[in-house]
Amino acid sequence: MERAIRGIAVGRKNYLFAGSYEGARRAASIYSLVESCKSAGVEPYAYFADALARTTTATPRELVPSAWKAAREADAAGGAK
């Protein structure tokens, strides 16, 4: 787990100047989602591209990286039949 946050720790001085408290909170949210994608075995760019397009139609639970991956795998298995 420590290895997952290494990139954040290395750039810590850069992140001191996020512009505002809200900017820092948003950056932390993005870092958290990227690491969740990595731990679920999801390519972050593909996840963000699809999740951002579906934010108005999907539930938050469907957009969790692990659930997102399971839905993609189920769609792929259903299309392969």
PDB file of N, CA and C in Angstrom:
ATOM      1  N   MET A   1       0.816  -1.180   0.000  1.00  0.00           N
ATOM      2  CA  MET A   1       0.000   0.000   0.000  1.00  0.00           C
ATOM      3  C   MET A   1       0.869   1.257   0.000  1.00  0.00           C
ATOM      4  N   GLU A   2       1.973   1.233   0.707  1.00  0.00           N
ATOM      5  CA  GLU A   2       2.853   2.396   0.720  1.00  0.00           C
ATOM      6  C   GLU A   2       3.366   2.709  -0.676  1.00  0.00           C
ATOM      7  N   ARG A   3       3.585   1.672  -1.455  1.00  0.00           N
ATOM      8  CA  ARG A   3       4.080   1.868  -2.807  1.00  0.00           C
ATOM      9  C   ARG A   3       3.052   2.606  -3.673  1.00  0.00           C
ATOM     10  N   ALA A   4       1.768   2.414  -3.391  1.00  0.00           N
ATOM     11  CA  ALA A   4       0.708   3.054  -4.161  1.00  0.00           C
ATOM     12  C   ALA A   4       0.723   4.567  -4.007  1.00  0.00           C
ATOM     13  N   ILE A   5       1.162   5.064  -2.865  1.00  0.00           N
ATOM     14  CA  ILE A   5       1.166   6.510  -2.658  1.00  0.00           C
ATOM     15  C   ILE A   5       2.555   7.125  -2.827  1.00  0.00           C
ATOM     16  N   ARG A   6       3.482   6.350  -3.324  1.00  0.00           N
ATOM     17  CA  ARG A   6       4.847   6.845  -3.497  1.00  0.00           C
ATOM     18  C   ARG A   6       4.899   8.083  -4.390  1.00  0.00           C
ATOM     19  N   GLY A   7       4.157   8.068  -5.504  1.00  0.00           N
ATOM     20  CA  GLY A   7       4.155   9.208  -6.418  1.00  0.00           C
ATOM     21  C   GLY A   7       3.680  10.484  -5.759  1.00  0.00           C
ATOM     22  N   ILE A   8       2.737  10.357  -4.869  1.00  0.00           N
ATOM     23  CA  ILE A   8       2.246  11.532  -4.145  1.00  0.00           C
ATOM     24  C   ILE A   8       3.303  12.034  -3.181  1.00  0.00           C
ATOM     25  N   ALA A   9       3.945  11.111  -2.471  1.00  0.00           N
ATOM     26  CA  ALA A   9       4.963  11.502  -1.504  1.00  0.00           C
ATOM     27  C   ALA A   9       6.167  12.144  -2.186  1.00  0.00           C
ATOM     28  N   VAL A  10       6.540  11.652  -3.336  1.00  0.00           N
ATOM     29  CA  VAL A  10       7.691  12.203  -4.054  1.00  0.00           C
ATOM     30  C   VAL A  10       7.420  13.644  -4.483  1.00  0.00           C
ATOM     31  N   GLY A  11       6.202  13.932  -4.917  1.00  0.00           N
ATOM     32  CA  GLY A  11       5.879  15.274  -5.382  1.00  0.00           C
ATOM     33  C   GLY A  11       5.239  16.166  -4.335  1.00  0.00           C
ATOM     34  N   ARG A  12       5.362  15.809  -3.077  1.00  0.00           N
ATOM     35  CA  ARG A  12       4.667  16.518  -1.999  1.00  0.00           C
ATOM     36  C   ARG A  12       4.887  18.022  -2.026  1.00  0.00           C
ATOM     37  N   LYS A  13       6.096  18.481  -2.258  1.00  0.00           N
ATOM     38  CA  LYS A  13       6.336  19.933  -2.268  1.00  0.00           C
ATOM     39  C   LYS A  13       5.586  20.606  -3.411  1.00  0.00           C
ATOM     40  N   ASN A  14       5.441  19.929  -4.529  1.00  0.00           N
ATOM     41  CA  ASN A  14       4.684  20.507  -5.636  1.00  0.00           C
ATOM     42  C   ASN A  14       3.212  20.647  -5.281  1.00  0.00           C
ATOM     43  N   TYR A  15       2.699  19.724  -4.495  1.00  0.00           N
ATOM     44  CA  TYR A  15       1.283  19.729  -4.172  1.00  0.00           C
ATOM     45  C   TYR A  15       0.939  20.724  -3.069  1.00  0.00           C
ATOM     46  N   LEU A  16       1.928  21.299  -2.431  1.00  0.00           N
ATOM     47  CA  LEU A  16       1.654  22.329  -1.430  1.00  0.00           C
ATOM     48  C   LEU A  16       1.006  23.550  -2.071  1.00  0.00           C
ATOM     49  N   PHE A  17       1.225  23.726  -3.342  1.00  0.00           N
ATOM     50  CA  PHE A  17       0.736  24.907  -4.037  1.00  0.00           C
ATOM     51  C   PHE A  17      -0.355  24.514  -5.033  1.00  0.00           C
ATOM     52  N   ALA A  18      -1.393  23.889  -4.522  1.00  0.00           N
ATOM     53  CA  ALA A  18      -2.494  23.430  -5.365  1.00  0.00           C
ATOM     54  C   ALA A  18      -3.383  24.585  -5.805  1.00  0.00           C
ATOM     55  N   GLY A  19      -3.163  25.765  -5.280  1.00  0.00           N
ATOM     56  CA  GLY A  19      -3.952  26.930  -5.658  1.00  0.00           C
ATOM     57  C   GLY A  19      -4.983  27.283  -4.611  1.00  0.00           C
ATOM     58  N   SER A  20      -5.625  26.285  -4.040  1.00  0.00           N
ATOM     59  CA  SER A  20      -6.620  26.525  -3.003  1.00  0.00           C
ATOM     60  C   SER A  20      -6.890  25.217  -2.269  1.00  0.00           C
ATOM     61  N   TYR A  21      -7.631  25.329  -1.208  1.00  0.00           N
ATOM     62  CA  TYR A  21      -8.017  24.143  -0.456  1.00  0.00           C
ATOM     63  C   TYR A  21      -8.875  23.230  -1.326  1.00  0.00           C
ATOM     64  N   GLU A  22      -9.807  23.808  -2.052  1.00  0.00           N
ATOM     65  CA  GLU A  22     -10.662  23.004  -2.933  1.00  0.00           C
ATOM     66  C   GLU A  22      -9.851  22.329  -4.035  1.00  0.00           C
ATOM     67  N   GLY A  23      -8.855  23.023  -4.569  1.00  0.00           N
ATOM     68  CA  GLY A  23      -7.996  22.422  -5.583  1.00  0.00           C
ATOM     69  C   GLY A  23      -7.254  21.212  -5.033  1.00  0.00           C
ATOM     70  N   ALA A  24      -6.794  21.326  -3.799  1.00  0.00           N
ATOM     71  CA  ALA A  24      -6.095  20.215  -3.161  1.00  0.00           C
ATOM     72  C   ALA A  24      -7.048  19.038  -2.929  1.00  0.00           C
ATOM     73  N   ARG A  25      -8.278  19.322  -2.527  1.00  0.00           N
ATOM     74  CA  ARG A  25      -9.269  18.256  -2.321  1.00  0.00           C
ATOM     75  C   ARG A  25      -9.583  17.554  -3.633  1.00  0.00           C
ATOM     76  N   ARG A  26      -9.709  18.314  -4.704  1.00  0.00           N
ATOM     77  CA  ARG A  26     -10.001  17.706  -6.005  1.00  0.00           C
ATOM     78  C   ARG A  26      -8.838  16.843  -6.473  1.00  0.00           C
ATOM     79  N   ALA A  27      -7.621  17.336  -6.278  1.00  0.00           N
ATOM     80  CA  ALA A  27      -6.436  16.553  -6.658  1.00  0.00           C
ATOM     81  C   ALA A  27      -6.393  15.244  -5.870  1.00  0.00           C
ATOM     82  N   ALA A  28      -6.696  15.312  -4.577  1.00  0.00           N
ATOM     83  CA  ALA A  28      -6.696  14.107  -3.750  1.00  0.00           C
ATOM     84  C   ALA A  28      -7.746  13.110  -4.243  1.00  0.00           C
ATOM     85  N   SER A  29      -8.891  13.604  -4.670  1.00  0.00           N
ATOM     86  CA  SER A  29      -9.940  12.717  -5.196  1.00  0.00           C
ATOM     87  C   SER A  29      -9.476  12.021  -6.465  1.00  0.00           C
ATOM     88  N   ILE A  30      -8.832  12.764  -7.349  1.00  0.00           N
ATOM     89  CA  ILE A  30      -8.337  12.179  -8.599  1.00  0.00           C
ATOM     90  C   ILE A  30      -7.256  11.138  -8.311  1.00  0.00           C
ATOM     91  N   TYR A  31      -6.314  11.458  -7.422  1.00  0.00           N
ATOM     92  CA  TYR A  31      -5.264  10.496  -7.074  1.00  0.00           C
ATOM     93  C   TYR A  31      -5.880   9.229  -6.492  1.00  0.00           C
ATOM     94  N   SER A  32      -6.892   9.394  -5.653  1.00  0.00           N
ATOM     95  CA  SER A  32      -7.546   8.248  -5.051  1.00  0.00           C
ATOM     96  C   SER A  32      -8.210   7.369  -6.108  1.00  0.00           C
ATOM     97  N   LEU A  33      -8.904   7.975  -7.062  1.00  0.00           N
ATOM     98  CA  LEU A  33      -9.533   7.201  -8.125  1.00  0.00           C
ATOM     99  C   LEU A  33      -8.513   6.496  -9.008  1.00  0.00           C
ATOM    100  N   VAL A  34      -7.420   7.162  -9.317  1.00  0.00           N
ATOM    101  CA  VAL A  34      -6.382   6.537 -10.142  1.00  0.00           C
ATOM    102  C   VAL A  34      -5.802   5.317  -9.430  1.00  0.00           C
ATOM    103  N   GLU A  35      -5.526   5.442  -8.156  1.00  0.00           N
ATOM    104  CA  GLU A  35      -4.976   4.307  -7.412  1.00  0.00           C
ATOM    105  C   GLU A  35      -6.007   3.192  -7.252  1.00  0.00           C
ATOM    106  N   SER A  36      -7.278   3.552  -7.116  1.00  0.00           N
ATOM    107  CA  SER A  36      -8.333   2.528  -7.061  1.00  0.00           C
ATOM    108  C   SER A  36      -8.398   1.771  -8.384  1.00  0.00           C
ATOM    109  N   CYS A  37      -8.246   2.500  -9.480  1.00  0.00           N
ATOM    110  CA  CYS A  37      -8.221   1.848 -10.801  1.00  0.00           C
ATOM    111  C   CYS A  37      -7.061   0.874 -10.888  1.00  0.00           C
ATOM    112  N   LYS A  38      -5.893   1.316 -10.476  1.00  0.00           N
ATOM    113  CA  LYS A  38      -4.713   0.460 -10.553  1.00  0.00           C
ATOM    114  C   LYS A  38      -4.880  -0.794  -9.707  1.00  0.00           C
ATOM    115  N   SER A  39      -5.438  -0.646  -8.502  1.00  0.00           N
ATOM    116  CA  SER A  39      -5.587  -1.814  -7.633  1.00  0.00           C
ATOM    117  C   SER A  39      -6.661  -2.773  -8.156  1.00  0.00           C
ATOM    118  N   ALA A  40      -7.628  -2.254  -8.932  1.00  0.00           N
ATOM    119  CA  ALA A  40      -8.659  -3.112  -9.517  1.00  0.00           C
ATOM    120  C   ALA A  40      -8.243  -3.674 -10.868  1.00  0.00           C
ATOM    121  N   GLY A  41      -7.079  -3.269 -11.368  1.00  0.00           N
ATOM    122  CA  GLY A  41      -6.613  -3.748 -12.662  1.00  0.00           C
ATOM    123  C   GLY A  41      -7.306  -3.075 -13.831  1.00  0.00           C
ATOM    124  N   VAL A  42      -7.689  -1.814 -13.639  1.00  0.00           N
ATOM    125  CA  VAL A  42      -8.391  -1.035 -14.658  1.00  0.00           C
ATOM    126  C   VAL A  42      -7.447   0.026 -15.192  1.00  0.00           C
ATOM    127  N   GLU A  43      -7.454   0.227 -16.508  1.00  0.00           N
ATOM    128  CA  GLU A  43      -6.635   1.284 -17.107  1.00  0.00           C
ATOM    129  C   GLU A  43      -7.315   2.623 -16.800  1.00  0.00           C
ATOM    130  N   PRO A  44      -6.646   3.515 -16.041  1.00  0.00           N
ATOM    131  CA  PRO A  44      -7.288   4.750 -15.588  1.00  0.00           C
ATOM    132  C   PRO A  44      -7.868   5.625 -16.703  1.00  0.00           C
ATOM    133  N   TYR A  45      -7.177   5.754 -17.829  1.00  0.00           N
ATOM    134  CA  TYR A  45      -7.697   6.619 -18.902  1.00  0.00           C
ATOM    135  C   TYR A  45      -9.016   6.087 -19.446  1.00  0.00           C
ATOM    136  N   ALA A  46      -9.098   4.782 -19.667  1.00  0.00           N
ATOM    137  CA  ALA A  46     -10.336   4.182 -20.170  1.00  0.00           C
ATOM    138  C   ALA A  46     -11.463   4.365 -19.159  1.00  0.00           C
ATOM    139  N   TYR A  47     -11.138   4.186 -17.885  1.00  0.00           N
ATOM    140  CA  TYR A  47     -12.141   4.363 -16.831  1.00  0.00           C
ATOM    141  C   TYR A  47     -12.662   5.793 -16.820  1.00  0.00           C
ATOM    142  N   PHE A  48     -11.764   6.766 -16.791  1.00  0.00           N
ATOM    143  CA  PHE A  48     -12.198   8.161 -16.724  1.00  0.00           C
ATOM    144  C   PHE A  48     -12.984   8.570 -17.957  1.00  0.00           C
ATOM    145  N   ALA A  49     -12.564   8.135 -19.127  1.00  0.00           N
ATOM    146  CA  ALA A  49     -13.275   8.490 -20.358  1.00  0.00           C
ATOM    147  C   ALA A  49     -14.716   7.987 -20.305  1.00  0.00           C
ATOM    148  N   ASP A  50     -14.909   6.754 -19.873  1.00  0.00           N
ATOM    149  CA  ASP A  50     -16.253   6.194 -19.813  1.00  0.00           C
ATOM    150  C   ASP A  50     -17.044   6.749 -18.631  1.00  0.00           C
ATOM    151  N   ALA A  51     -16.419   6.833 -17.469  1.00  0.00           N
ATOM    152  CA  ALA A  51     -17.124   7.284 -16.265  1.00  0.00           C
ATOM    153  C   ALA A  51     -17.592   8.732 -16.408  1.00  0.00           C
ATOM    154  N   LEU A  52     -16.769   9.578 -16.988  1.00  0.00           N
ATOM    155  CA  LEU A  52     -17.176  10.975 -17.168  1.00  0.00           C
ATOM    156  C   LEU A  52     -18.336  11.097 -18.144  1.00  0.00           C
ATOM    157  N   ALA A  53     -18.367  10.253 -19.144  1.00  0.00           N
ATOM    158  CA  ALA A  53     -19.469  10.275 -20.104  1.00  0.00           C
ATOM    159  C   ALA A  53     -20.763   9.759 -19.479  1.00  0.00           C
ATOM    160  N   ARG A  54     -20.649   8.922 -18.446  1.00  0.00           N
ATOM    161  CA  ARG A  54     -21.827   8.293 -17.847  1.00  0.00           C
ATOM    162  C   ARG A  54     -22.240   8.893 -16.516  1.00  0.00           C
ATOM    163  N   THR A  55     -21.642   9.987 -16.083  1.00  0.00           N
ATOM    164  CA  THR A  55     -21.947  10.534 -14.755  1.00  0.00           C
ATOM    165  C   THR A  55     -23.407  10.938 -14.597  1.00  0.00           C
ATOM    166  N   THR A  56     -24.078  11.296 -15.658  1.00  0.00           N
ATOM    167  CA  THR A  56     -25.479  11.712 -15.533  1.00  0.00           C
ATOM    168  C   THR A  56     -26.454  10.540 -15.582  1.00  0.00           C
ATOM    169  N   THR A  57     -26.022   9.382 -16.057  1.00  0.00           N
ATOM    170  CA  THR A  57     -26.940   8.255 -16.211  1.00  0.00           C
ATOM    171  C   THR A  57     -26.658   7.092 -15.263  1.00  0.00           C
ATOM    172  N   ALA A  58     -25.456   6.983 -14.747  1.00  0.00           N
ATOM    173  CA  ALA A  58     -25.092   5.851 -13.886  1.00  0.00           C
ATOM    174  C   ALA A  58     -25.178   6.245 -12.418  1.00  0.00           C
ATOM    175  N   THR A  59     -25.361   5.245 -11.575  1.00  0.00           N
ATOM    176  CA  THR A  59     -25.341   5.494 -10.136  1.00  0.00           C
ATOM    177  C   THR A  59     -23.889   5.547  -9.666  1.00  0.00           C
ATOM    178  N   PRO A  60     -23.630   6.222  -8.556  1.00  0.00           N
ATOM    179  CA  PRO A  60     -22.249   6.255  -8.052  1.00  0.00           C
ATOM    180  C   PRO A  60     -21.669   4.862  -7.812  1.00  0.00           C
ATOM    181  N   ARG A  61     -22.505   3.937  -7.378  1.00  0.00           N
ATOM    182  CA  ARG A  61     -22.035   2.571  -7.119  1.00  0.00           C
ATOM    183  C   ARG A  61     -21.561   1.889  -8.397  1.00  0.00           C
ATOM    184  N   GLU A  62     -22.185   2.199  -9.520  1.00  0.00           N
ATOM    185  CA  GLU A  62     -21.782   1.615 -10.801  1.00  0.00           C
ATOM    186  C   GLU A  62     -20.455   2.175 -11.301  1.00  0.00           C
ATOM    187  N   LEU A  63     -20.079   3.339 -10.795  1.00  0.00           N
ATOM    188  CA  LEU A  63     -18.863   3.990 -11.274  1.00  0.00           C
ATOM    189  C   LEU A  63     -17.639   3.736 -10.395  1.00  0.00           C
ATOM    190  N   VAL A  64     -17.776   2.911  -9.377  1.00  0.00           N
ATOM    191  CA  VAL A  64     -16.618   2.492  -8.594  1.00  0.00           C
ATOM    192  C   VAL A  64     -15.753   1.641  -9.519  1.00  0.00           C
ATOM    193  N   PRO A  65     -14.436   1.853  -9.563  1.00  0.00           N
ATOM    194  CA  PRO A  65     -13.607   1.133 -10.535  1.00  0.00           C
ATOM    195  C   PRO A  65     -13.789  -0.383 -10.558  1.00  0.00           C
ATOM    196  N   SER A  66     -13.921  -1.025  -9.419  1.00  0.00           N
ATOM    197  CA  SER A  66     -14.082  -2.486  -9.421  1.00  0.00           C
ATOM    198  C   SER A  66     -15.432  -2.896 -10.013  1.00  0.00           C
ATOM    199  N   ALA A  67     -16.496  -2.148  -9.706  1.00  0.00           N
ATOM    200  CA  ALA A  67     -17.812  -2.449 -10.285  1.00  0.00           C
ATOM    201  C   ALA A  67     -17.826  -2.127 -11.774  1.00  0.00           C
ATOM    202  N   TRP A  68     -17.149  -1.055 -12.151  1.00  0.00           N
ATOM    203  CA  TRP A  68     -17.045  -0.672 -13.556  1.00  0.00           C
ATOM    204  C   TRP A  68     -16.371  -1.793 -14.357  1.00  0.00           C
ATOM    205  N   LYS A  69     -15.302  -2.345 -13.800  1.00  0.00           N
ATOM    206  CA  LYS A  69     -14.585  -3.434 -14.472  1.00  0.00           C
ATOM    207  C   LYS A  69     -15.467  -4.673 -14.595  1.00  0.00           C
ATOM    208  N   ALA A  70     -16.185  -5.011 -13.529  1.00  0.00           N
ATOM    209  CA  ALA A  70     -17.065  -6.186 -13.561  1.00  0.00           C
ATOM    210  C   ALA A  70     -18.151  -6.025 -14.625  1.00  0.00           C
ATOM    211  N   ALA A  71     -18.698  -4.822 -14.756  1.00  0.00           N
ATOM    212  CA  ALA A  71     -19.720  -4.574 -15.771  1.00  0.00           C
ATOM    213  C   ALA A  71     -19.139  -4.714 -17.179  1.00  0.00           C
ATOM    214  N   ARG A  72     -17.925  -4.222 -17.393  1.00  0.00           N
ATOM    215  CA  ARG A  72     -17.273  -4.338 -18.702  1.00  0.00           C
ATOM    216  C   ARG A  72     -17.016  -5.796 -19.046  1.00  0.00           C
ATOM    217  N   GLU A  73     -16.564  -6.575 -18.057  1.00  0.00           N
ATOM    218  CA  GLU A  73     -16.299  -7.995 -18.289  1.00  0.00           C
ATOM    219  C   GLU A  73     -17.601  -8.747 -18.571  1.00  0.00           C
ATOM    220  N   ALA A  74     -18.675  -8.393 -17.884  1.00  0.00           N
ATOM    221  CA  ALA A  74     -19.968  -9.032 -18.132  1.00  0.00           C
ATOM    222  C   ALA A  74     -20.485  -8.686 -19.521  1.00  0.00           C
ATOM    223  N   ASP A  75     -20.306  -7.433 -19.933  1.00  0.00           N
ATOM    224  CA  ASP A  75     -20.705  -7.021 -21.294  1.00  0.00           C
ATOM    225  C   ASP A  75     -19.906  -7.784 -22.346  1.00  0.00           C
ATOM    226  N   ALA A  76     -18.616  -7.946 -22.108  1.00  0.00           N
ATOM    227  CA  ALA A  76     -17.757  -8.648 -23.064  1.00  0.00           C
ATOM    228  C   ALA A  76     -18.147 -10.131 -23.140  1.00  0.00           C
ATOM    229  N   ALA A  77     -18.461 -10.725 -21.994  1.00  0.00           N
ATOM    230  CA  ALA A  77     -18.848 -12.145 -21.966  1.00  0.00           C
ATOM    231  C   ALA A  77     -20.200 -12.335 -22.641  1.00  0.00           C
ATOM    232  N   GLY A  78     -21.106 -11.382 -22.465  1.00  0.00           N
ATOM    233  CA  GLY A  78     -22.415 -11.475 -23.090  1.00  0.00           C
ATOM    234  C   GLY A  78     -22.345 -11.308 -24.589  1.00  0.00           C
ATOM    235  N   GLY A  79     -21.421 -10.485 -25.065  1.00  0.00           N
ATOM    236  CA  GLY A  79     -21.263 -10.276 -26.494  1.00  0.00           C
ATOM    237  C   GLY A  79     -20.528 -11.409 -27.191  1.00  0.00           C
ATOM    238  N   ALA A  80     -19.806 -12.216 -26.415  1.00  0.00           N
ATOM    239  CA  ALA A  80     -19.018 -13.308 -26.992  1.00  0.00           C
ATOM    240  C   ALA A  80     -19.855 -14.566 -27.217  1.00  0.00           C
ATOM    241  N   LYS A  81     -21.067 -14.601 -26.661  1.00  0.00           N
ATOM    242  CA  LYS A  81     -21.899 -15.815 -26.779  1.00  0.00           C
ATOM    243  C   LYS A  81     -22.461 -16.001 -28.150  1.00  0.00           C
TER     244      LYS A  81
END
